[in-house]
């Protein structure tokens, strides 16, 4: 197409116009560069195009795009059933062996140390028996002392009465003085007899209780107890257990 001589081609006019506009347009301020950590993936914006799975780092995908349950809760593997300890069944307490065949001190001491001293209920009962015995002994002793004091008071009153009778010329009966002295002696003997009976009953009761608790020498089999005239160290002829004399058994009970 032919143009008049005084006209430029359209492309030349357009280039000249654009150059003129660019001279009067201020230079654009560059946007600050954003530093994105390597470990953080920024998803593409709508202007950058569609999401491309090929641009996703594999190490990030394995941690940041997991489900919440998989990320926060660790997986616990149950141990093999073969290594899980079974619950131990409670075993019944072992029966305390009988001490009825014990006739010497060393095995008796071992039995008490192992079975009696470790039994709190038995020890509580034994302490109660000891306390009761001491209380009774104290009461019996104090009762006898009070009786002697009363007798002394009566004797002092009788002497005063005789002194008054002598001052007024009255007659003093010597037989009455003798009867009073014998009465005091008889009264004390009667009291002592009562105490002896009470003490015997207490010993019998305590012996029965200690036998029930299994304390050696208090539950000795009657077949193993012989009279004091028996041969020393003689066994029962059946089990080979050494029999014990009555007086020796009494000494061991006191020692126990």
Protein backbone atom coordinates (compact mmCIF):
# COMPACT_ATOMS: atom_id res chain seq x y z
CA UNK A 1 0.00 0.00 0.00
CA UNK A 2 1.37 3.39 -0.95
CA UNK A 3 1.43 6.28 1.53
CA UNK A 4 1.75 9.93 0.84
CA UNK A 5 5.27 11.29 1.13
CA UNK A 6 4.52 13.43 4.13
CA UNK A 7 3.25 10.56 6.22
CA UNK A 8 5.24 7.91 8.26
CA UNK A 9 4.41 4.28 8.38
CA UNK A 10 1.94 3.30 11.21
CA UNK A 11 4.50 1.19 13.00
CA UNK A 12 6.97 4.06 13.05
CA UNK A 13 4.33 6.43 14.43
CA UNK A 14 3.39 3.94 17.17
CA UNK A 15 7.01 3.45 18.25
CA UNK A 16 7.56 7.16 18.44
CA UNK A 17 4.45 7.65 20.58
CA UNK A 18 5.46 4.92 23.02
CA UNK A 19 8.96 6.37 23.37
CA UNK A 20 7.54 9.82 24.13
CA UNK A 21 5.21 8.42 26.81
CA UNK A 22 7.99 6.44 28.43
CA UNK A 23 10.06 9.60 28.87
CA UNK A 24 7.35 11.21 31.01
CA UNK A 25 6.42 8.08 33.03
CA UNK A 26 8.19 7.68 36.47
CA UNK A 27 10.28 4.55 36.95
CA UNK A 28 8.37 1.82 38.90
CA UNK A 29 9.54 1.07 42.45
CA UNK A 30 10.72 -2.54 42.67
CA UNK A 31 8.75 -4.67 45.15
CA UNK A 32 10.77 -6.04 48.10
CA UNK A 33 11.80 -9.62 47.72
CA UNK A 34 10.16 -12.06 50.10
CA UNK A 35 12.36 -14.65 51.75
CA UNK A 36 10.46 -17.90 51.95
CA UNK A 37 11.92 -20.56 54.28
CA UNK A 38 12.98 -23.68 52.53
CA UNK A 39 10.88 -25.84 54.81
CA UNK A 40 7.65 -23.91 54.09
CA UNK A 41 5.81 -24.37 50.85
CA UNK A 42 3.78 -21.42 49.59
CA UNK A 43 0.82 -22.54 47.53
CA UNK A 44 0.48 -20.89 44.13
CA UNK A 45 -1.77 -17.85 43.86
CA UNK A 46 -4.51 -17.62 41.26
CA UNK A 47 -2.29 -15.33 39.21
CA UNK A 48 0.54 -17.91 39.17
CA UNK A 49 -1.61 -20.63 37.69
CA UNK A 50 -3.11 -23.89 38.77
CA UNK A 51 -1.68 -26.08 41.60
CA UNK A 52 1.07 -28.32 40.27
CA UNK A 53 1.77 -31.43 42.41
CA UNK A 54 5.14 -31.86 40.77
CA UNK A 55 6.44 -28.69 42.45
CA UNK A 56 5.74 -30.01 45.99
CA UNK A 57 8.81 -31.11 47.94
CA UNK A 58 8.56 -34.77 49.08
CA UNK A 59 9.91 -34.10 52.61
CA UNK A 60 7.30 -31.37 53.17
CA UNK A 61 4.50 -33.53 51.90
CA UNK A 62 5.39 -36.22 54.40
CA UNK A 63 4.91 -33.88 57.37
CA UNK A 64 2.71 -30.87 56.59
CA UNK A 65 -0.05 -32.52 54.61
CA UNK A 66 -0.85 -35.39 56.93
CA UNK A 67 -4.18 -35.76 58.69
CA UNK A 68 -4.28 -34.20 62.25
CA UNK A 69 -4.79 -37.58 63.88
CA UNK A 70 -1.74 -39.00 62.14
CA UNK A 71 0.44 -36.01 63.00
CA UNK A 72 -0.37 -35.49 66.72
CA UNK A 73 -0.87 -39.01 68.05
CA UNK A 74 2.06 -41.45 68.01
CA UNK A 75 1.39 -45.02 67.06
CA UNK A 76 1.77 -47.46 69.96
CA UNK A 77 2.52 -51.03 69.15
CA UNK A 78 1.21 -53.58 71.60
CA UNK A 79 3.95 -55.81 72.99
CA UNK A 80 3.79 -59.48 72.18
CA UNK A 81 1.54 -61.42 74.48
CA UNK A 82 4.44 -63.70 75.37
CA UNK A 83 6.27 -60.91 77.26
CA UNK A 84 3.24 -59.52 79.13
CA UNK A 85 3.62 -60.65 82.76
CA UNK A 86 0.62 -62.50 84.07
CA UNK A 87 -1.00 -61.18 87.23
CA UNK A 88 0.25 -63.17 90.14
CA UNK A 89 -2.47 -64.89 92.04
CA UNK A 90 -2.56 -64.15 95.74
CA UNK A 91 -1.33 -67.14 97.60
CA UNK A 92 -3.00 -68.06 100.88
CA UNK A 93 -0.83 -67.52 103.98
CA UNK A 94 1.26 -70.47 104.92
CA UNK A 95 -0.02 -72.50 107.83
CA UNK A 96 2.02 -72.13 111.00
CA UNK A 97 3.55 -75.48 111.92
CA UNK A 98 2.61 -76.95 115.25
CA UNK A 99 5.03 -76.54 118.14
CA UNK A 100 3.55 -79.38 120.18
CA UNK A 101 6.57 -81.62 119.49
CA UNK A 102 9.20 -79.05 120.53
CA UNK A 103 10.89 -80.06 123.78
CA UNK A 104 14.20 -78.17 123.66
CA UNK A 105 15.07 -74.48 123.75
CA UNK A 106 16.87 -73.82 120.38
CA UNK A 107 14.01 -74.99 118.11
CA UNK A 108 11.51 -73.25 120.40
CA UNK A 109 13.38 -69.97 120.03
CA UNK A 110 13.47 -70.33 116.22
CA UNK A 111 9.74 -71.04 116.14
CA UNK A 112 8.90 -67.99 118.23
CA UNK A 113 11.17 -65.72 116.17
CA UNK A 114 9.80 -66.89 112.82
CA UNK A 115 6.10 -67.44 113.50
CA UNK A 116 5.04 -65.79 116.78
CA UNK A 117 7.04 -62.54 116.86
CA UNK A 118 5.98 -61.72 113.28
CA UNK A 119 2.27 -62.21 114.04
CA UNK A 120 0.94 -58.84 115.19
CA UNK A 121 -2.36 -60.27 116.43
CA UNK A 122 -0.60 -62.91 118.54
CA UNK A 123 1.87 -60.38 119.96
CA UNK A 124 -0.98 -58.01 120.86
CA UNK A 125 -2.73 -60.80 122.73
CA UNK A 126 0.46 -61.82 124.56
CA UNK A 127 1.12 -58.23 125.64
CA UNK A 128 -2.44 -58.07 126.96
CA UNK A 129 -1.88 -61.24 129.01
CA UNK A 130 1.33 -59.84 130.50
CA UNK A 131 -0.36 -56.54 131.37
CA UNK A 132 -3.29 -58.35 132.99
CA UNK A 133 -0.98 -60.53 135.06
CA UNK A 134 0.99 -57.53 136.34
CA UNK A 135 -2.21 -55.70 137.28
CA UNK A 136 -3.54 -58.68 139.25
CA UNK A 137 -0.24 -59.19 141.04
CA UNK A 138 -0.18 -55.53 142.05
CA UNK A 139 -3.77 -55.66 143.31
CA UNK A 140 -3.12 -58.80 145.35
CA UNK A 141 0.01 -57.30 146.88
CA UNK A 142 -1.69 -54.01 147.72
CA UNK A 143 -4.67 -55.89 149.22
CA UNK A 144 -2.41 -57.87 151.53
CA UNK A 145 -0.54 -54.71 152.56
CA UNK A 146 -3.85 -52.99 153.35
CA UNK A 147 -4.95 -55.97 155.45
CA UNK A 148 -1.73 -55.83 157.49
CA UNK A 149 -2.27 -52.10 158.02
CA UNK A 150 -5.80 -52.72 159.24
CA UNK A 151 -4.59 -55.41 161.62
CA UNK A 152 -1.94 -53.04 162.97
CA UNK A 153 -4.62 -50.43 163.51
CA UNK A 154 -6.79 -52.89 165.39
CA UNK A 155 -3.80 -53.93 167.53
CA UNK A 156 -3.06 -50.32 168.33
CA UNK A 157 -6.69 -49.79 169.34
CA UNK A 158 -6.58 -52.87 171.57
CA UNK A 159 -3.44 -51.60 173.35
CA UNK A 160 -5.08 -48.23 173.93
CA UNK A 161 -8.11 -49.97 175.36
CA UNK A 162 -5.94 -52.03 177.70
CA UNK A 163 -4.12 -48.87 178.77
CA UNK A 164 -7.40 -47.19 179.64
CA UNK A 165 -8.59 -50.25 181.56
CA UNK A 166 -5.30 -50.38 183.47
CA UNK A 167 -5.56 -46.69 184.40
CA UNK A 168 -8.94 -47.17 185.99
CA UNK A 169 -8.04 -50.47 187.62
CA UNK A 170 -9.89 -52.59 185.10
CA UNK A 171 -9.03 -56.19 184.37
CA UNK A 172 -7.09 -57.04 181.16
CA UNK A 173 -7.86 -60.45 179.67
CA UNK A 174 -4.62 -62.07 178.43
CA UNK A 175 -6.60 -64.67 176.52
CA UNK A 176 -8.21 -61.96 174.43
CA UNK A 177 -4.78 -60.64 173.45
CA UNK A 178 -3.71 -64.13 172.38
CA UNK A 179 -6.92 -64.69 170.46
CA UNK A 180 -6.44 -61.36 168.67
CA UNK A 181 -2.93 -62.30 167.52
CA UNK A 182 -4.09 -65.70 166.29
CA UNK A 183 -7.01 -64.04 164.55
CA UNK A 184 -4.62 -61.82 162.58
CA UNK A 185 -2.52 -64.79 161.55
CA UNK A 186 -5.58 -66.74 160.47
CA UNK A 187 -6.91 -63.74 158.57
CA UNK A 188 -3.65 -63.38 156.63
CA UNK A 189 -3.54 -67.11 155.88
CA UNK A 190 -7.09 -66.98 154.58
CA UNK A 191 -6.22 -64.04 152.33
CA UNK A 192 -3.11 -65.81 151.02
CA UNK A 193 -5.15 -68.91 150.25
CA UNK A 194 -7.60 -66.89 148.22
CA UNK A 195 -4.77 -65.23 146.33
CA UNK A 196 -3.21 -68.63 145.61
CA UNK A 197 -6.46 -69.94 144.15
CA UNK A 198 -6.88 -66.83 142.02
CA UNK A 199 -3.27 -67.05 140.82
CA UNK A 200 -3.67 -70.73 139.93
CA UNK A 201 -6.79 -69.95 137.91
CA UNK A 202 -4.97 -67.12 136.12
CA UNK A 203 -2.02 -69.37 135.24
CA UNK A 204 -4.37 -72.01 133.88
CA UNK A 205 -6.20 -69.44 131.77
CA UNK A 206 -2.96 -67.91 130.44
CA UNK A 207 -1.50 -71.34 129.69
CA UNK A 208 -4.58 -72.24 127.67
CA UNK A 209 -4.38 -68.97 125.75
CA UNK A 210 -0.65 -69.36 125.02
CA UNK A 211 -1.30 -72.91 123.89
CA UNK A 212 -3.96 -71.64 121.49
CA UNK A 213 -1.45 -69.14 120.10
CA UNK A 214 1.05 -71.96 119.50
CA UNK A 215 3.75 -70.79 121.91
CA UNK A 216 6.23 -73.64 122.52
CA UNK A 217 6.14 -75.49 125.88
CA UNK A 218 2.55 -74.34 126.50
CA UNK A 219 1.03 -76.79 124.02
CA UNK A 220 3.44 -79.69 124.43
CA UNK A 221 1.87 -83.03 123.64
CA UNK A 222 1.04 -84.92 126.85
CA UNK A 223 2.72 -88.04 125.40
CA UNK A 224 6.06 -86.20 125.50
CA UNK A 225 5.80 -85.14 129.15
CA UNK A 226 7.10 -87.67 131.68
CA UNK A 227 7.48 -87.64 135.43
CA UNK A 228 10.64 -86.41 137.08
CA UNK A 229 11.96 -89.94 137.66
CA UNK A 230 12.22 -90.75 133.94
CA UNK A 231 15.60 -91.23 132.25
CA UNK A 232 17.14 -88.01 130.92
CA UNK A 233 16.84 -87.67 127.12
CA UNK A 234 14.52 -90.65 126.65
CA UNK A 235 12.50 -90.52 123.42
CA UNK A 236 8.89 -91.51 122.92
CA UNK A 237 9.78 -94.78 121.17
CA UNK A 238 7.74 -93.89 118.05
CA UNK A 239 8.89 -90.70 116.37
CA UNK A 240 12.25 -90.29 118.09
CA UNK A 241 11.21 -86.99 119.66
CA UNK A 242 12.92 -86.42 122.99
CA UNK A 243 10.50 -86.43 125.89
CA UNK A 244 10.69 -83.84 128.64
CA UNK A 245 10.30 -84.02 132.40
CA UNK A 246 7.61 -82.09 134.22
CA UNK A 247 10.01 -79.92 136.22
CA UNK A 248 12.06 -79.16 133.10
CA UNK A 249 8.92 -78.19 131.19
CA UNK A 250 7.98 -75.84 134.00
CA UNK A 251 11.41 -74.17 133.87
CA UNK A 252 11.18 -73.73 130.09
CA UNK A 253 7.74 -72.18 130.40
CA UNK A 254 9.05 -69.67 132.91
CA UNK A 255 12.00 -68.94 130.63
CA UNK A 256 9.70 -68.50 127.65
